[in-house]
């Protein structure tokens, strides 16, 4: 499975874990030294910083994910773009564009780079 299949599964696992606020499961999807740019202005690196980021997501926040494009970079890596819409507990929606790079490491695919930017 490469390209869109890999990213579809990876992002669905991320979404399900995010919606249920399962921080350990979310962070397990990332490589140990992953680069992470969320909605805060600070670039994060590594699972410890990513854990802190997701621990601070408000309760009740959910996400929908639409995979837009993907490319196979090689036998062990894929990249792509998705639209993610975050919805808080009161129903306020925040759409973002997500770019992600994933790499096959041992027996699993892991997110190596994650970057979101707000959509107008």
N, C-alpha and C. Protein backbone atom coordinates (compact mmCIF):
# COMPACT_ATOMS: atom_id res chain seq x y z
N UNK A 1 0.85 -1.18 0.00
CA UNK A 1 0.00 0.00 0.00
C UNK A 1 0.90 1.24 0.00
N UNK A 2 0.71 2.10 -0.98
CA UNK A 2 1.50 3.33 -1.05
C UNK A 2 0.59 4.51 -1.34
N UNK A 3 1.18 5.70 -1.31
CA UNK A 3 0.45 6.90 -1.69
C UNK A 3 -0.78 7.16 -0.87
N UNK A 4 -1.91 7.34 -1.59
CA UNK A 4 -3.15 7.73 -0.92
C UNK A 4 -3.63 6.68 0.06
N UNK A 5 -3.38 5.39 -0.22
CA UNK A 5 -3.80 4.35 0.72
C UNK A 5 -3.11 4.47 2.06
N UNK A 6 -1.81 4.70 2.04
CA UNK A 6 -1.05 4.88 3.28
C UNK A 6 -1.54 6.09 4.05
N UNK A 7 -1.65 7.22 3.37
CA UNK A 7 -2.06 8.44 4.06
C UNK A 7 -3.50 8.37 4.54
N UNK A 8 -4.37 7.75 3.76
CA UNK A 8 -5.76 7.62 4.19
C UNK A 8 -5.85 6.85 5.51
N UNK A 9 -5.14 5.75 5.61
CA UNK A 9 -5.16 4.95 6.84
C UNK A 9 -4.51 5.73 7.99
N UNK A 10 -3.36 6.32 7.74
CA UNK A 10 -2.66 7.06 8.78
C UNK A 10 -3.50 8.23 9.30
N UNK A 11 -4.10 8.99 8.39
CA UNK A 11 -4.90 10.13 8.81
C UNK A 11 -6.21 9.71 9.47
N UNK A 12 -6.77 8.59 9.07
CA UNK A 12 -7.97 8.09 9.76
C UNK A 12 -7.62 7.66 11.18
N UNK A 13 -6.48 7.02 11.37
CA UNK A 13 -6.04 6.66 12.72
C UNK A 13 -5.80 7.91 13.57
N UNK A 14 -5.19 8.93 12.95
CA UNK A 14 -4.97 10.19 13.65
C UNK A 14 -6.31 10.81 14.06
N UNK A 15 -7.27 10.89 13.11
CA UNK A 15 -8.57 11.49 13.38
C UNK A 15 -9.32 10.77 14.50
N UNK A 16 -9.35 9.45 14.43
CA UNK A 16 -10.07 8.67 15.45
C UNK A 16 -9.44 8.90 16.83
N UNK A 17 -8.13 8.90 16.91
CA UNK A 17 -7.44 9.14 18.18
C UNK A 17 -7.66 10.57 18.66
N UNK A 18 -7.62 11.52 17.72
CA UNK A 18 -7.85 12.92 18.07
C UNK A 18 -9.25 13.12 18.63
N UNK A 19 -10.25 12.58 17.95
CA UNK A 19 -11.64 12.76 18.38
C UNK A 19 -11.88 12.20 19.77
N UNK A 20 -11.17 11.15 20.12
CA UNK A 20 -11.34 10.51 21.43
C UNK A 20 -10.31 11.00 22.45
N UNK A 21 -9.52 12.00 22.05
CA UNK A 21 -8.50 12.61 22.91
C UNK A 21 -7.55 11.55 23.50
N UNK A 22 -7.16 10.58 22.66
CA UNK A 22 -6.21 9.54 23.06
C UNK A 22 -4.80 10.00 22.67
N UNK A 23 -4.22 10.83 23.52
CA UNK A 23 -2.94 11.48 23.22
C UNK A 23 -1.84 10.47 22.93
N UNK A 24 -1.74 9.43 23.73
CA UNK A 24 -0.68 8.43 23.51
C UNK A 24 -0.81 7.78 22.14
N UNK A 25 -2.04 7.50 21.71
CA UNK A 25 -2.26 6.88 20.41
C UNK A 25 -1.92 7.85 19.27
N UNK A 26 -2.25 9.14 19.46
CA UNK A 26 -1.90 10.14 18.45
C UNK A 26 -0.39 10.21 18.31
N UNK A 27 0.30 10.37 19.42
CA UNK A 27 1.74 10.57 19.41
C UNK A 27 2.47 9.34 18.86
N UNK A 28 1.92 8.16 19.07
CA UNK A 28 2.53 6.94 18.54
C UNK A 28 2.55 6.92 17.01
N UNK A 29 1.72 7.74 16.38
CA UNK A 29 1.70 7.82 14.92
C UNK A 29 2.87 8.64 14.37
N UNK A 30 3.56 9.37 15.25
CA UNK A 30 4.66 10.23 14.84
C UNK A 30 6.01 9.56 15.08
N UNK A 31 6.97 9.85 14.22
CA UNK A 31 8.34 9.38 14.42
C UNK A 31 8.92 10.04 15.67
N UNK A 32 9.90 9.39 16.26
CA UNK A 32 10.54 9.92 17.47
C UNK A 32 11.03 11.35 17.28
N UNK A 33 11.56 11.67 16.09
CA UNK A 33 12.14 12.99 15.84
C UNK A 33 11.30 13.80 14.86
N UNK A 34 10.00 13.55 14.82
CA UNK A 34 9.12 14.24 13.87
C UNK A 34 9.17 15.76 14.05
N UNK A 35 9.02 16.46 12.94
CA UNK A 35 8.86 17.91 12.95
C UNK A 35 7.37 18.20 12.89
N UNK A 36 6.92 19.16 13.71
CA UNK A 36 5.49 19.39 13.89
C UNK A 36 5.21 20.88 13.96
N UNK A 37 4.38 21.36 13.02
CA UNK A 37 3.91 22.74 13.08
C UNK A 37 2.41 22.71 13.17
N UNK A 38 1.90 22.90 14.38
CA UNK A 38 0.47 22.95 14.60
C UNK A 38 -0.03 24.37 14.47
N UNK A 39 -1.08 24.69 15.18
CA UNK A 39 -1.67 26.03 15.11
C UNK A 39 -0.95 27.05 15.98
N UNK A 40 -0.07 26.60 16.85
CA UNK A 40 0.71 27.55 17.64
C UNK A 40 1.88 28.03 16.77
N UNK A 41 2.46 29.19 17.08
CA UNK A 41 3.54 29.72 16.24
C UNK A 41 4.87 28.97 16.38
N UNK A 42 4.98 28.14 17.37
CA UNK A 42 6.25 27.46 17.67
C UNK A 42 6.38 26.14 16.93
N UNK A 43 7.51 25.93 16.27
CA UNK A 43 7.82 24.66 15.64
C UNK A 43 8.21 23.66 16.73
N UNK A 44 7.63 22.48 16.68
CA UNK A 44 7.92 21.44 17.67
C UNK A 44 8.73 20.34 17.02
N UNK A 45 9.51 19.65 17.82
CA UNK A 45 10.31 18.53 17.33
C UNK A 45 10.28 17.42 18.37
N UNK A 46 9.92 16.22 17.91
CA UNK A 46 9.96 15.06 18.77
C UNK A 46 8.66 14.79 19.51
N UNK A 47 8.55 13.56 19.94
CA UNK A 47 7.31 13.10 20.57
C UNK A 47 6.98 13.80 21.88
N UNK A 48 7.98 14.17 22.66
CA UNK A 48 7.69 14.83 23.94
C UNK A 48 6.97 16.15 23.72
N UNK A 49 7.44 16.97 22.79
CA UNK A 49 6.80 18.26 22.52
C UNK A 49 5.43 18.06 21.87
N UNK A 50 5.31 17.06 21.00
CA UNK A 50 4.04 16.78 20.36
C UNK A 50 3.02 16.31 21.40
N UNK A 51 3.47 15.54 22.38
CA UNK A 51 2.59 15.09 23.46
C UNK A 51 2.01 16.29 24.20
N UNK A 52 2.86 17.23 24.58
CA UNK A 52 2.41 18.42 25.29
C UNK A 52 1.40 19.20 24.45
N UNK A 53 1.65 19.32 23.16
CA UNK A 53 0.73 20.03 22.27
C UNK A 53 -0.66 19.40 22.33
N UNK A 54 -0.74 18.08 22.13
CA UNK A 54 -2.04 17.41 22.11
C UNK A 54 -2.69 17.33 23.49
N UNK A 55 -1.91 17.32 24.55
CA UNK A 55 -2.49 17.35 25.90
C UNK A 55 -3.24 18.66 26.14
N UNK A 56 -2.88 19.70 25.41
CA UNK A 56 -3.49 21.02 25.59
C UNK A 56 -4.65 21.29 24.64
N UNK A 57 -5.03 20.31 23.84
CA UNK A 57 -6.21 20.47 22.98
C UNK A 57 -7.44 20.45 23.89
N UNK A 58 -8.34 21.42 23.72
CA UNK A 58 -9.52 21.48 24.60
C UNK A 58 -10.40 20.23 24.46
N UNK A 59 -10.98 19.79 25.57
CA UNK A 59 -11.91 18.65 25.52
C UNK A 59 -13.05 18.94 24.55
N UNK A 60 -13.51 17.90 23.87
CA UNK A 60 -14.63 18.04 22.96
C UNK A 60 -14.27 18.44 21.55
N UNK A 61 -12.99 18.75 21.31
CA UNK A 61 -12.53 19.12 19.98
C UNK A 61 -12.50 17.87 19.09
N UNK A 62 -13.05 17.98 17.88
CA UNK A 62 -13.05 16.87 16.92
C UNK A 62 -12.49 17.35 15.59
N UNK A 63 -12.27 16.42 14.68
CA UNK A 63 -11.71 16.76 13.37
C UNK A 63 -12.36 15.92 12.28
N UNK A 64 -12.52 16.51 11.12
CA UNK A 64 -12.85 15.75 9.92
C UNK A 64 -11.67 15.92 8.97
N UNK A 65 -11.40 14.89 8.18
CA UNK A 65 -10.23 14.90 7.30
C UNK A 65 -10.66 14.53 5.89
N UNK A 66 -10.22 15.33 4.93
CA UNK A 66 -10.42 15.02 3.52
C UNK A 66 -9.05 15.01 2.84
N UNK A 67 -8.59 13.83 2.46
CA UNK A 67 -7.31 13.71 1.76
C UNK A 67 -7.47 14.27 0.35
N UNK A 68 -6.62 15.22 -0.02
CA UNK A 68 -6.73 15.91 -1.30
C UNK A 68 -5.78 15.34 -2.35
N UNK A 69 -4.52 15.21 -2.01
CA UNK A 69 -3.50 14.74 -2.94
C UNK A 69 -2.45 13.95 -2.18
N UNK A 70 -1.86 12.99 -2.85
CA UNK A 70 -0.73 12.27 -2.25
C UNK A 70 0.24 11.88 -3.34
N UNK A 71 1.49 11.71 -2.94
CA UNK A 71 2.54 11.31 -3.85
C UNK A 71 3.44 10.31 -3.14
N UNK A 72 3.82 9.29 -3.86
CA UNK A 72 4.82 8.37 -3.35
C UNK A 72 6.18 8.97 -3.64
N UNK A 73 6.99 9.14 -2.60
CA UNK A 73 8.32 9.72 -2.76
C UNK A 73 9.37 8.65 -3.02
N UNK A 74 9.08 7.45 -2.60
CA UNK A 74 9.98 6.31 -2.75
C UNK A 74 9.31 5.12 -2.10
N UNK A 75 10.00 4.00 -2.08
CA UNK A 75 9.41 2.79 -1.52
C UNK A 75 9.05 2.94 -0.05
N UNK A 76 9.69 3.87 0.63
CA UNK A 76 9.51 3.99 2.07
C UNK A 76 8.94 5.33 2.52
N UNK A 77 8.47 6.17 1.59
CA UNK A 77 7.95 7.47 2.02
C UNK A 77 6.87 7.99 1.08
N UNK A 78 5.92 8.71 1.68
CA UNK A 78 4.82 9.33 0.95
C UNK A 78 4.59 10.72 1.52
N UNK A 79 3.95 11.55 0.72
CA UNK A 79 3.61 12.90 1.15
C UNK A 79 2.23 13.24 0.62
N UNK A 80 1.59 14.21 1.24
CA UNK A 80 0.28 14.60 0.74
C UNK A 80 -0.29 15.80 1.46
N UNK A 81 -1.47 16.21 0.95
CA UNK A 81 -2.21 17.33 1.51
C UNK A 81 -3.62 16.89 1.86
N UNK A 82 -4.15 17.46 2.92
CA UNK A 82 -5.54 17.19 3.32
C UNK A 82 -6.15 18.49 3.82
N UNK A 83 -7.46 18.54 3.77
CA UNK A 83 -8.19 19.59 4.47
C UNK A 83 -8.69 18.97 5.76
N UNK A 84 -8.40 19.62 6.86
CA UNK A 84 -8.87 19.18 8.17
C UNK A 84 -9.75 20.29 8.73
N UNK A 85 -10.92 19.93 9.20
CA UNK A 85 -11.78 20.91 9.86
C UNK A 85 -11.92 20.51 11.32
N UNK A 86 -11.39 21.36 12.18
CA UNK A 86 -11.51 21.16 13.62
C UNK A 86 -12.82 21.81 14.08
N UNK A 87 -13.53 21.14 14.97
CA UNK A 87 -14.77 21.67 15.53
C UNK A 87 -14.68 21.59 17.04
N UNK A 88 -14.87 22.74 17.70
CA UNK A 88 -14.80 22.72 19.16
C UNK A 88 -16.14 22.28 19.75
N UNK A 89 -16.18 22.16 21.06
CA UNK A 89 -17.36 21.63 21.75
C UNK A 89 -18.61 22.49 21.54
N UNK A 90 -18.43 23.78 21.23
CA UNK A 90 -19.57 24.66 21.01
C UNK A 90 -20.00 24.71 19.54
N UNK A 91 -19.28 23.98 18.68
CA UNK A 91 -19.65 23.92 17.27
C UNK A 91 -18.88 24.86 16.36
N UNK A 92 -17.98 25.66 16.91
CA UNK A 92 -17.17 26.56 16.09
C UNK A 92 -16.18 25.73 15.27
N UNK A 93 -16.13 26.01 13.97
CA UNK A 93 -15.29 25.24 13.05
C UNK A 93 -14.06 26.04 12.62
N UNK A 94 -12.94 25.34 12.47
CA UNK A 94 -11.69 25.94 12.00
C UNK A 94 -11.11 25.04 10.92
N UNK A 95 -11.22 25.44 9.65
CA UNK A 95 -10.63 24.64 8.59
C UNK A 95 -9.14 24.97 8.41
N UNK A 96 -8.34 23.95 8.19
CA UNK A 96 -6.90 24.11 7.96
C UNK A 96 -6.48 23.23 6.80
N UNK A 97 -5.34 23.56 6.24
CA UNK A 97 -4.69 22.71 5.26
C UNK A 97 -3.56 21.99 5.99
N UNK A 98 -3.51 20.69 5.81
CA UNK A 98 -2.48 19.86 6.43
C UNK A 98 -1.57 19.31 5.35
N UNK A 99 -0.28 19.47 5.53
CA UNK A 99 0.68 18.76 4.69
C UNK A 99 1.42 17.79 5.61
N UNK A 100 1.68 16.61 5.09
CA UNK A 100 2.27 15.57 5.90
C UNK A 100 3.24 14.74 5.06
N UNK A 101 4.30 14.32 5.70
CA UNK A 101 5.25 13.37 5.11
C UNK A 101 5.30 12.17 6.04
N UNK A 102 5.14 10.99 5.46
CA UNK A 102 5.17 9.76 6.26
C UNK A 102 6.26 8.84 5.73
N UNK A 103 6.84 8.06 6.64
CA UNK A 103 7.91 7.14 6.28
C UNK A 103 7.62 5.77 6.88
N UNK A 104 7.92 4.75 6.10
CA UNK A 104 7.77 3.38 6.59
C UNK A 104 9.00 3.06 7.43
N UNK A 105 8.77 2.78 8.71
CA UNK A 105 9.85 2.49 9.66
C UNK A 105 9.54 1.15 10.29
N UNK A 106 10.44 0.18 10.09
CA UNK A 106 10.24 -1.19 10.56
C UNK A 106 8.92 -1.72 10.01
N UNK A 107 7.92 -1.96 10.84
CA UNK A 107 6.66 -2.54 10.36
C UNK A 107 5.51 -1.55 10.34
N UNK A 108 5.79 -0.25 10.43
CA UNK A 108 4.70 0.71 10.52
C UNK A 108 5.03 1.98 9.76
N UNK A 109 4.00 2.71 9.40
CA UNK A 109 4.16 4.04 8.80
C UNK A 109 4.06 5.07 9.91
N UNK A 110 4.98 6.04 9.90
CA UNK A 110 5.02 7.10 10.90
C UNK A 110 5.06 8.46 10.24
N UNK A 111 4.45 9.43 10.89
CA UNK A 111 4.49 10.80 10.41
C UNK A 111 5.85 11.40 10.76
N UNK A 112 6.55 11.88 9.73
CA UNK A 112 7.87 12.50 9.94
C UNK A 112 7.76 14.02 10.00
N UNK A 113 6.81 14.55 9.22
CA UNK A 113 6.62 16.00 9.20
C UNK A 113 5.15 16.30 9.08
N UNK A 114 4.67 17.26 9.89
CA UNK A 114 3.26 17.63 9.98
C UNK A 114 3.19 19.14 10.03
N UNK A 115 2.42 19.72 9.14
CA UNK A 115 2.32 21.18 9.09
C UNK A 115 0.89 21.58 8.75
N UNK A 116 0.29 22.44 9.56
CA UNK A 116 -1.04 22.97 9.27
C UNK A 116 -0.95 24.48 9.08
N UNK A 117 -1.85 24.97 8.23
CA UNK A 117 -2.02 26.42 8.07
C UNK A 117 -3.51 26.69 7.97
N UNK A 118 -3.94 27.79 8.58
CA UNK A 118 -5.36 28.16 8.57
C UNK A 118 -5.82 28.50 7.17
N UNK A 119 -7.05 28.11 6.86
CA UNK A 119 -7.69 28.51 5.61
C UNK A 119 -8.56 29.71 5.90
N UNK A 120 -8.72 30.59 4.93
CA UNK A 120 -9.55 31.79 5.12
C UNK A 120 -11.01 31.44 5.32
